[in-house]
Every structure is written in C-alpha cells, then in structure tokens.
C-alpha atoms as a PDB file:
ATOM      1  CA  MET A   1      19.521  -4.362  -9.898  1.00  0.00           C
ATOM      2  CA  LEU A   2      17.794  -3.961  -6.553  1.00  0.00           C
ATOM      3  CA  LEU A   3      19.775  -4.292  -3.346  1.00  0.00           C
ATOM      4  CA  PRO A   4      19.162  -7.408  -1.211  1.00  0.00           C
ATOM      5  CA  TRP A   5      19.434  -5.688   2.177  1.00  0.00           C
ATOM      6  CA  PHE A   6      20.370  -2.557   4.109  1.00  0.00           C
ATOM      7  CA  HIS A   7      21.756  -4.403   7.153  1.00  0.00           C
ATOM      8  CA  LYS A   8      23.119  -7.796   6.157  1.00  0.00           C
ATOM      9  CA  ASP A   9      23.379  -9.113   9.716  1.00  0.00           C
ATOM     10  CA  LEU A  10      19.887  -8.134  10.899  1.00  0.00           C
ATOM     11  CA  ILE A  11      16.461  -9.637  10.285  1.00  0.00           C
ATOM     12  CA  GLU A  12      15.090  -6.890   8.077  1.00  0.00           C
ATOM     13  CA  ALA A  13      11.518  -6.222   6.973  1.00  0.00           C
ATOM     14  CA  GLY A  14      10.721  -4.054   3.979  1.00  0.00           C
ATOM     15  CA  CYS A  15       7.500  -2.013   4.227  1.00  0.00           C
ATOM     16  CA  ASP A  16       5.405  -0.131   1.697  1.00  0.00           C
ATOM     17  CA  GLU A  17       1.834   1.099   1.299  1.00  0.00           C
ATOM     18  CA  ALA A  18      -0.718   1.399  -1.513  1.00  0.00           C
ATOM     19  CA  GLY A  19      -3.712   3.656  -1.948  1.00  0.00           C
ATOM     20  CA  ARG A  20      -2.543   6.747  -0.147  1.00  0.00           C
ATOM     21  CA  GLY A  21      -3.664   9.146  -2.890  1.00  0.00           C
ATOM     22  CA  CYS A  22      -7.063   7.545  -3.497  1.00  0.00           C
ATOM     23  CA  LEU A  23     -10.438   9.165  -2.914  1.00  0.00           C
ATOM     24  CA  ALA A  24     -12.028   5.898  -1.835  1.00  0.00           C
ATOM     25  CA  GLY A  25     -11.152   2.640  -0.144  1.00  0.00           C
ATOM     26  CA  SER A  26      -8.841   1.542   2.615  1.00  0.00           C
ATOM     27  CA  VAL A  27      -5.102   2.099   2.557  1.00  0.00           C
ATOM     28  CA  PHE A  28      -3.103  -1.147   2.486  1.00  0.00           C
ATOM     29  CA  ALA A  29       0.478  -1.789   3.595  1.00  0.00           C
ATOM     30  CA  ALA A  30       2.693  -4.841   3.553  1.00  0.00           C
ATOM     31  CA  ALA A  31       5.757  -5.960   5.460  1.00  0.00           C
ATOM     32  CA  VAL A  32       8.071  -8.599   3.993  1.00  0.00           C
ATOM     33  CA  ILE A  33      11.136 -10.393   5.328  1.00  0.00           C
ATOM     34  CA  LEU A  34      13.051 -12.033   2.495  1.00  0.00           C
ATOM     35  CA  PRO A  35      15.825 -14.629   2.762  1.00  0.00           C
ATOM     36  CA  LYS A  36      19.259 -13.012   2.565  1.00  0.00           C
ATOM     37  CA  ASP A  37      20.038 -14.975  -0.611  1.00  0.00           C
ATOM     38  CA  PHE A  38      16.762 -14.072  -2.340  1.00  0.00           C
ATOM     39  CA  ARG A  39      17.157 -13.008  -5.963  1.00  0.00           C
ATOM     40  CA  ASN A  40      14.611 -12.190  -8.623  1.00  0.00           C
ATOM     41  CA  ASP A  41      15.475 -10.193 -11.735  1.00  0.00           C
ATOM     42  CA  LEU A  42      11.868  -9.195 -12.391  1.00  0.00           C
ATOM     43  CA  LEU A  43      11.070  -7.872  -8.913  1.00  0.00           C
ATOM     44  CA  ASN A  44      10.830  -4.085  -8.972  1.00  0.00           C
ATOM     45  CA  ASP A  45       8.671  -1.184  -7.868  1.00  0.00           C
ATOM     46  CA  SER A  46       5.094  -2.404  -8.480  1.00  0.00           C
ATOM     47  CA  LYS A  47       4.354   0.716 -10.546  1.00  0.00           C
ATOM     48  CA  GLN A  48       6.990  -0.371 -13.071  1.00  0.00           C
ATOM     49  CA  LEU A  49       5.351  -3.767 -13.656  1.00  0.00           C
ATOM     50  CA  THR A  50       2.328  -4.996 -15.545  1.00  0.00           C
ATOM     51  CA  GLU A  51      -0.673  -6.294 -13.652  1.00  0.00           C
ATOM     52  CA  LYS A  52       0.162  -9.853 -14.746  1.00  0.00           C
ATOM     53  CA  GLN A  53       3.759  -9.497 -13.521  1.00  0.00           C
ATOM     54  CA  ARG A  54       2.590  -8.154 -10.165  1.00  0.00           C
ATOM     55  CA  TYR A  55       0.342 -11.148  -9.530  1.00  0.00           C
ATOM     56  CA  GLN A  56       3.047 -13.586 -10.651  1.00  0.00           C
ATOM     57  CA  LEU A  57       5.496 -11.941  -8.277  1.00  0.00           C
ATOM     58  CA  ARG A  58       2.985 -12.000  -5.435  1.00  0.00           C
ATOM     59  CA  GLU A  59       3.021 -15.792  -5.630  1.00  0.00           C
ATOM     60  CA  VAL A  60       6.834 -15.841  -5.636  1.00  0.00           C
ATOM     61  CA  VAL A  61       7.071 -13.485  -2.657  1.00  0.00           C
ATOM     62  CA  GLN A  62       4.497 -15.394  -0.626  1.00  0.00           C
ATOM     63  CA  GLN A  63       6.207 -18.717  -1.301  1.00  0.00           C
ATOM     64  CA  GLU A  64       9.782 -17.590  -0.727  1.00  0.00           C
ATOM     65  CA  ALA A  65       9.529 -14.910   1.970  1.00  0.00           C
ATOM     66  CA  VAL A  66      10.625 -15.785   5.480  1.00  0.00           C
ATOM     67  CA  ALA A  67       7.524 -13.890   6.654  1.00  0.00           C
ATOM     68  CA  TRP A  68       4.992 -11.515   5.133  1.00  0.00           C
ATOM     69  CA  ALA A  69       1.810  -9.738   6.191  1.00  0.00           C
ATOM     70  CA  VAL A  70      -0.672  -7.111   5.016  1.00  0.00           C
ATOM     71  CA  GLY A  71      -2.173  -4.340   7.168  1.00  0.00           C
ATOM     72  CA  ILE A  72      -5.326  -2.347   6.403  1.00  0.00           C
ATOM     73  CA  VAL A  73      -6.714   0.991   7.611  1.00  0.00           C
ATOM     74  CA  THR A  74     -10.319   1.826   6.711  1.00  0.00           C
ATOM     75  CA  PRO A  75     -11.686   5.034   5.164  1.00  0.00           C
ATOM     76  CA  GLU A  76     -13.368   5.874   8.489  1.00  0.00           C
ATOM     77  CA  GLU A  77     -10.040   5.608  10.272  1.00  0.00           C
ATOM     78  CA  ILE A  78      -8.325   7.652   7.546  1.00  0.00           C
ATOM     79  CA  ASP A  79     -10.848  10.459   8.056  1.00  0.00           C
ATOM     80  CA  LYS A  80     -10.198  10.421  11.808  1.00  0.00           C
ATOM     81  CA  ILE A  81      -6.402  10.339  11.876  1.00  0.00           C
ATOM     82  CA  ASN A  82      -5.446  11.652   8.368  1.00  0.00           C
ATOM     83  CA  ILE A  83      -3.860   9.716   5.528  1.00  0.00           C
ATOM     84  CA  LEU A  84      -0.249  10.124   6.649  1.00  0.00           C
ATOM     85  CA  ASN A  85      -0.941   8.610  10.059  1.00  0.00           C
ATOM     86  CA  ALA A  86      -3.157   5.988   8.422  1.00  0.00           C
ATOM     87  CA  SER A  87      -0.265   4.935   6.188  1.00  0.00           C
ATOM     88  CA  PHE A  88       1.973   4.528   9.242  1.00  0.00           C
ATOM     89  CA  LEU A  89      -0.755   2.602  11.061  1.00  0.00           C
ATOM     90  CA  ALA A  90      -1.257   0.254   8.113  1.00  0.00           C
ATOM     91  CA  MET A  91       2.477  -0.510   8.149  1.00  0.00           C
ATOM     92  CA  HIS A  92       2.385  -1.043  11.924  1.00  0.00           C
ATOM     93  CA  ARG A  93      -0.518  -3.460  11.505  1.00  0.00           C
ATOM     94  CA  ALA A  94       1.391  -5.378   8.852  1.00  0.00           C
ATOM     95  CA  ILE A  95       4.492  -5.579  11.073  1.00  0.00           C
ATOM     96  CA  ASP A  96       2.271  -6.702  13.980  1.00  0.00           C
ATOM     97  CA  GLN A  97       1.255  -9.765  12.014  1.00  0.00           C
ATOM     98  CA  LEU A  98       4.732 -10.940  11.006  1.00  0.00           C
ATOM     99  CA  THR A  99       5.457 -14.376  12.431  1.00  0.00           C
ATOM    100  CA  ILE A 100       9.101 -13.383  12.922  1.00  0.00           C
ATOM    101  CA  ARG A 101      10.048 -10.189  14.739  1.00  0.00           C
ATOM    102  CA  PRO A 102      12.275  -8.003  12.561  1.00  0.00           C
ATOM    103  CA  GLN A 103      15.375  -6.323  13.973  1.00  0.00           C
ATOM    104  CA  HIS A 104      15.305  -3.501  11.445  1.00  0.00           C
ATOM    105  CA  LEU A 105      12.598  -1.899   9.295  1.00  0.00           C
ATOM    106  CA  LEU A 106      13.247  -0.586   5.801  1.00  0.00           C
ATOM    107  CA  ILE A 107      10.482   1.905   4.982  1.00  0.00           C
ATOM    108  CA  ASP A 108       9.542   3.308   1.588  1.00  0.00           C
ATOM    109  CA  GLY A 109       9.200   7.096   1.737  1.00  0.00           C
ATOM    110  CA  ASN A 110      10.693   9.928   3.752  1.00  0.00           C
ATOM    111  CA  ARG A 111       8.786   9.677   7.056  1.00  0.00           C
ATOM    112  CA  PHE A 112       7.729   6.992   9.487  1.00  0.00           C
ATOM    113  CA  LYS A 113       6.315   6.777  12.981  1.00  0.00           C
ATOM    114  CA  GLU A 114       8.544   4.548  15.085  1.00  0.00           C
ATOM    115  CA  TYR A 115       7.221   1.049  15.652  1.00  0.00           C
ATOM    116  CA  ASN A 116       7.863  -0.112  19.233  1.00  0.00           C
ATOM    117  CA  ASP A 117      11.628  -0.122  19.700  1.00  0.00           C
ATOM    118  CA  ILE A 118      12.628  -1.507  16.293  1.00  0.00           C
ATOM    119  CA  PRO A 119      15.156   0.708  14.471  1.00  0.00           C
ATOM    120  CA  HIS A 120      14.062   1.868  11.026  1.00  0.00           C
ATOM    121  CA  THR A 121      15.503   3.516   7.933  1.00  0.00           C
ATOM    122  CA  VAL A 122      13.379   5.514   5.489  1.00  0.00           C
ATOM    123  CA  VAL A 123      14.320   5.314   1.811  1.00  0.00           C
ATOM    124  CA  ILE A 124      12.840   7.673  -0.774  1.00  0.00           C
ATOM    125  CA  LYS A 125      11.678   5.588  -3.765  1.00  0.00           C
ATOM    126  CA  GLY A 126      12.836   2.555  -1.810  1.00  0.00           C
ATOM    127  CA  ASP A 127      10.570   0.253  -3.815  1.00  0.00           C
ATOM    128  CA  GLY A 128      12.941   0.785  -6.727  1.00  0.00           C
ATOM    129  CA  LYS A 129      16.069   0.267  -4.606  1.00  0.00           C
ATOM    130  CA  TYR A 130      15.563  -2.643  -2.188  1.00  0.00           C
ATOM    131  CA  LEU A 131      14.117  -6.088  -2.855  1.00  0.00           C
ATOM    132  CA  SER A 132      12.186  -6.282   0.428  1.00  0.00           C
ATOM    133  CA  ILE A 133      10.460  -2.932  -0.138  1.00  0.00           C
ATOM    134  CA  ALA A 134       9.662  -3.892  -3.742  1.00  0.00           C
ATOM    135  CA  ALA A 135       8.185  -7.160  -2.470  1.00  0.00           C
ATOM    136  CA  ALA A 136       6.062  -5.231   0.041  1.00  0.00           C
ATOM    137  CA  SER A 137       4.901  -2.854  -2.696  1.00  0.00           C
ATOM    138  CA  ILE A 138       3.748  -5.841  -4.788  1.00  0.00           C
ATOM    139  CA  LEU A 139       1.709  -7.309  -1.932  1.00  0.00           C
ATOM    140  CA  ALA A 140       0.165  -3.995  -0.868  1.00  0.00           C
ATOM    141  CA  LYS A 141      -0.754  -3.093  -4.443  1.00  0.00           C
ATOM    142  CA  THR A 142      -2.226  -6.452  -5.473  1.00  0.00           C
ATOM    143  CA  TYR A 143      -4.208  -6.999  -2.279  1.00  0.00           C
ATOM    144  CA  ARG A 144      -5.610  -3.494  -2.513  1.00  0.00           C
ATOM    145  CA  ASP A 145      -6.486  -4.018  -6.185  1.00  0.00           C
ATOM    146  CA  ASP A 146      -8.369  -7.198  -5.249  1.00  0.00           C
ATOM    147  CA  TYR A 147     -10.298  -5.236  -2.625  1.00  0.00           C
ATOM    148  CA  MET A 148     -11.181  -2.395  -5.014  1.00  0.00           C
ATOM    149  CA  ASN A 149     -12.289  -4.896  -7.684  1.00  0.00           C
ATOM    150  CA  GLU A 150     -14.661  -6.425  -5.123  1.00  0.00           C
ATOM    151  CA  LEU A 151     -16.041  -2.988  -4.199  1.00  0.00           C
ATOM    152  CA  HIS A 152     -16.557  -2.284  -7.897  1.00  0.00           C
ATOM    153  CA  GLU A 153     -19.104  -5.117  -7.994  1.00  0.00           C
ATOM    154  CA  GLN A 154     -21.201  -3.180  -5.450  1.00  0.00           C
ATOM    155  CA  PHE A 155     -20.616   0.284  -6.926  1.00  0.00           C
ATOM    156  CA  PRO A 156     -19.859  -0.053 -10.662  1.00  0.00           C
ATOM    157  CA  VAL A 157     -20.624   3.593 -11.480  1.00  0.00           C
ATOM    158  CA  TYR A 158     -17.284   4.745 -10.002  1.00  0.00           C
ATOM    159  CA  ASP A 159     -15.128   2.607 -12.326  1.00  0.00           C
ATOM    160  CA  TRP A 160     -13.078   1.260  -9.410  1.00  0.00           C
ATOM    161  CA  ASN A 161     -12.042  -1.854 -11.331  1.00  0.00           C
ATOM    162  CA  LYS A 162      -9.996   0.512 -13.515  1.00  0.00           C
ATOM    163  CA  ASN A 163      -9.090   3.528 -11.378  1.00  0.00           C
ATOM    164  CA  LYS A 164      -8.831   1.630  -8.041  1.00  0.00           C
ATOM    165  CA  GLY A 165     -10.236   4.660  -6.244  1.00  0.00           C
ATOM    166  CA  TYR A 166      -7.762   7.206  -7.607  1.00  0.00           C
ATOM    167  CA  PRO A 167      -9.074  10.645  -8.658  1.00  0.00           C
ATOM    168  CA  THR A 168      -9.736  10.119 -12.353  1.00  0.00           C
ATOM    169  CA  LYS A 169     -12.137  12.329 -14.289  1.00  0.00           C
ATOM    170  CA  LYS A 170     -14.717   9.521 -14.505  1.00  0.00           C
ATOM    171  CA  HIS A 171     -14.486   8.822 -10.772  1.00  0.00           C
ATOM    172  CA  ARG A 172     -15.055  12.476  -9.888  1.00  0.00           C
ATOM    173  CA  GLU A 173     -17.913  12.807 -12.393  1.00  0.00           C
ATOM    174  CA  ALA A 174     -19.582   9.786 -10.773  1.00  0.00           C
ATOM    175  CA  ILE A 175     -19.220  11.344  -7.312  1.00  0.00           C
ATOM    176  CA  SER A 176     -20.749  14.559  -8.639  1.00  0.00           C
ATOM    177  CA  SER A 177     -23.719  12.792 -10.248  1.00  0.00           C
ATOM    178  CA  SER A 178     -24.290   9.835  -7.903  1.00  0.00           C
ATOM    179  CA  GLY A 179     -22.942  11.051  -4.576  1.00  0.00           C
ATOM    180  CA  THR A 180     -20.570   9.213  -2.264  1.00  0.00           C
ATOM    181  CA  THR A 181     -20.435   5.712  -0.826  1.00  0.00           C
ATOM    182  CA  PRO A 182     -19.482   4.533   2.671  1.00  0.00           C
ATOM    183  CA  PHE A 183     -16.040   3.853   1.189  1.00  0.00           C
ATOM    184  CA  HIS A 184     -15.231   7.403   0.124  1.00  0.00           C
ATOM    185  CA  ARG A 185     -12.783   9.402   2.241  1.00  0.00           C
ATOM    186  CA  MET A 186     -14.882  12.343   3.279  1.00  0.00           C
ATOM    187  CA  THR A 187     -11.951  14.521   4.369  1.00  0.00           C
ATOM    188  CA  PHE A 188     -10.481  14.399   0.841  1.00  0.00           C
ATOM    189  CA  ASN A 189     -11.183  16.918  -1.916  1.00  0.00           C
ATOM    190  CA  LEU A 190     -13.514  14.523  -3.712  1.00  0.00           C
ATOM    191  CA  LEU A 191     -14.581  16.789  -6.570  1.00  0.00           C
ATOM    192  CA  GLY A 192     -11.159  18.291  -7.247  1.00  0.00           C
ATOM    193  CA  ASP A 193     -12.473  21.857  -7.032  1.00  0.00           C
ATOM    194  CA  GLY A 194     -10.874  22.830  -3.769  1.00  0.00           C
ATOM    195  CA  GLN A 195     -14.169  22.347  -1.951  1.00  0.00           C
ATOM    196  CA  LEU A 196     -14.592  19.665   0.707  1.00  0.00           C
ATOM    197  CA  GLU A 197     -18.357  20.191   0.851  1.00  0.00           C
ATOM    198  CA  LEU A 198     -20.304  18.136  -1.686  1.00  0.00           C
ATOM    199  CA  PRO A 199     -23.322  19.646  -3.486  1.00  0.00           C
ATOM    200  CA  PHE A 200     -25.908  17.327  -1.872  1.00  0.00           C
END
C-alpha cells in the first residue's frame, strides 16, 4: 500500500520523470498534488502496470488531483546540459505550471536541484512508495509514450511505437543503417559500442 503523504500538514507535490535512459526524444516530468484523502488501490509505479492500467489511471489522476502539470525538455537541450540536469529542468518546468504552489516537493530518485525556496525530499524508488510520486510517474510515462507514438509516424524504421526511444537492438540497428533523426540525443552512445561518433 502506497503512502498518502510525507508531510501531512503541507501542500505536497510528487514529481517523477520518464525517458531519461532513452536514445531519442524529449525527457518528460510530471508534478502532482493529490488530495490528502486520495486513495486508489491500483495506483503504483508506472513500470509495474500495464499500458491499459496506466491510461486508466491517468484519467483518474487528472480528474481527482488538486493540481497537475507536465514539463518537457527537448533532445537539443539534453545535449547541451546533460540528461541529469535535463531531468531536473523537466521537473522544474512541471512545478512551474502547477496552479497551486506546493509547500514541499517529494522527488523520485536520489538527487534533485533545488526549486526556488521550496523544501524537497528525495526518495529512492519513490514511485513505489508514495501515491503522489506514483501519480506523477503515470502522467510522465503516458504523455511521453503519446509523444513517441506520434514521432513513430514520421520515423517508423526506429520502432519507437514499441521501444519508446530506449536502446533496443532494433533501434540501434536502425540508427546504424538509416542514421539519426533530429530527435536523437547526439551526446548519447547511440550504437552501444562505446563510440559517440557515428559511421556517417
């Protein structure tokens, strides 16, 4: 059973990101403020759920959250500031868009770059421990999946509707044979051979 809050008496936003380990596409993050009495037995780390369950829960979260928002950082920005900083920036952009200012941030992971003067707590595997982080993981994952499915229509050779930009064998073979797109992260090891330089 996931915990409903870290600080019961504060307005608390859970934050999580999706797409950090991908070779292509933007990184997405979400911030969610849930009601203190929110309960949902199905809500869990998005990786533990089926695709159908994730989209069902997205509707629940969006309807019942006090506030929610999604932040995006592009591949070009990722290449400039690195993926760790891009993940923090995506979370900051999500928090920026919340219609209610949180008093505390609950962050999935073990590191975070402070956002303005709002106190934060990092929680390793927090998406499997706190409802608000799990809710954020659902939004970040599903909105990023939608985005990668749309990119797949433009670039079907990379199989993004299935791998969502992650480094699968088929994705890397397509990079090797067809080259890169404007959506590939050029500072990543795209071919998986330890070489950043591509053979074209």
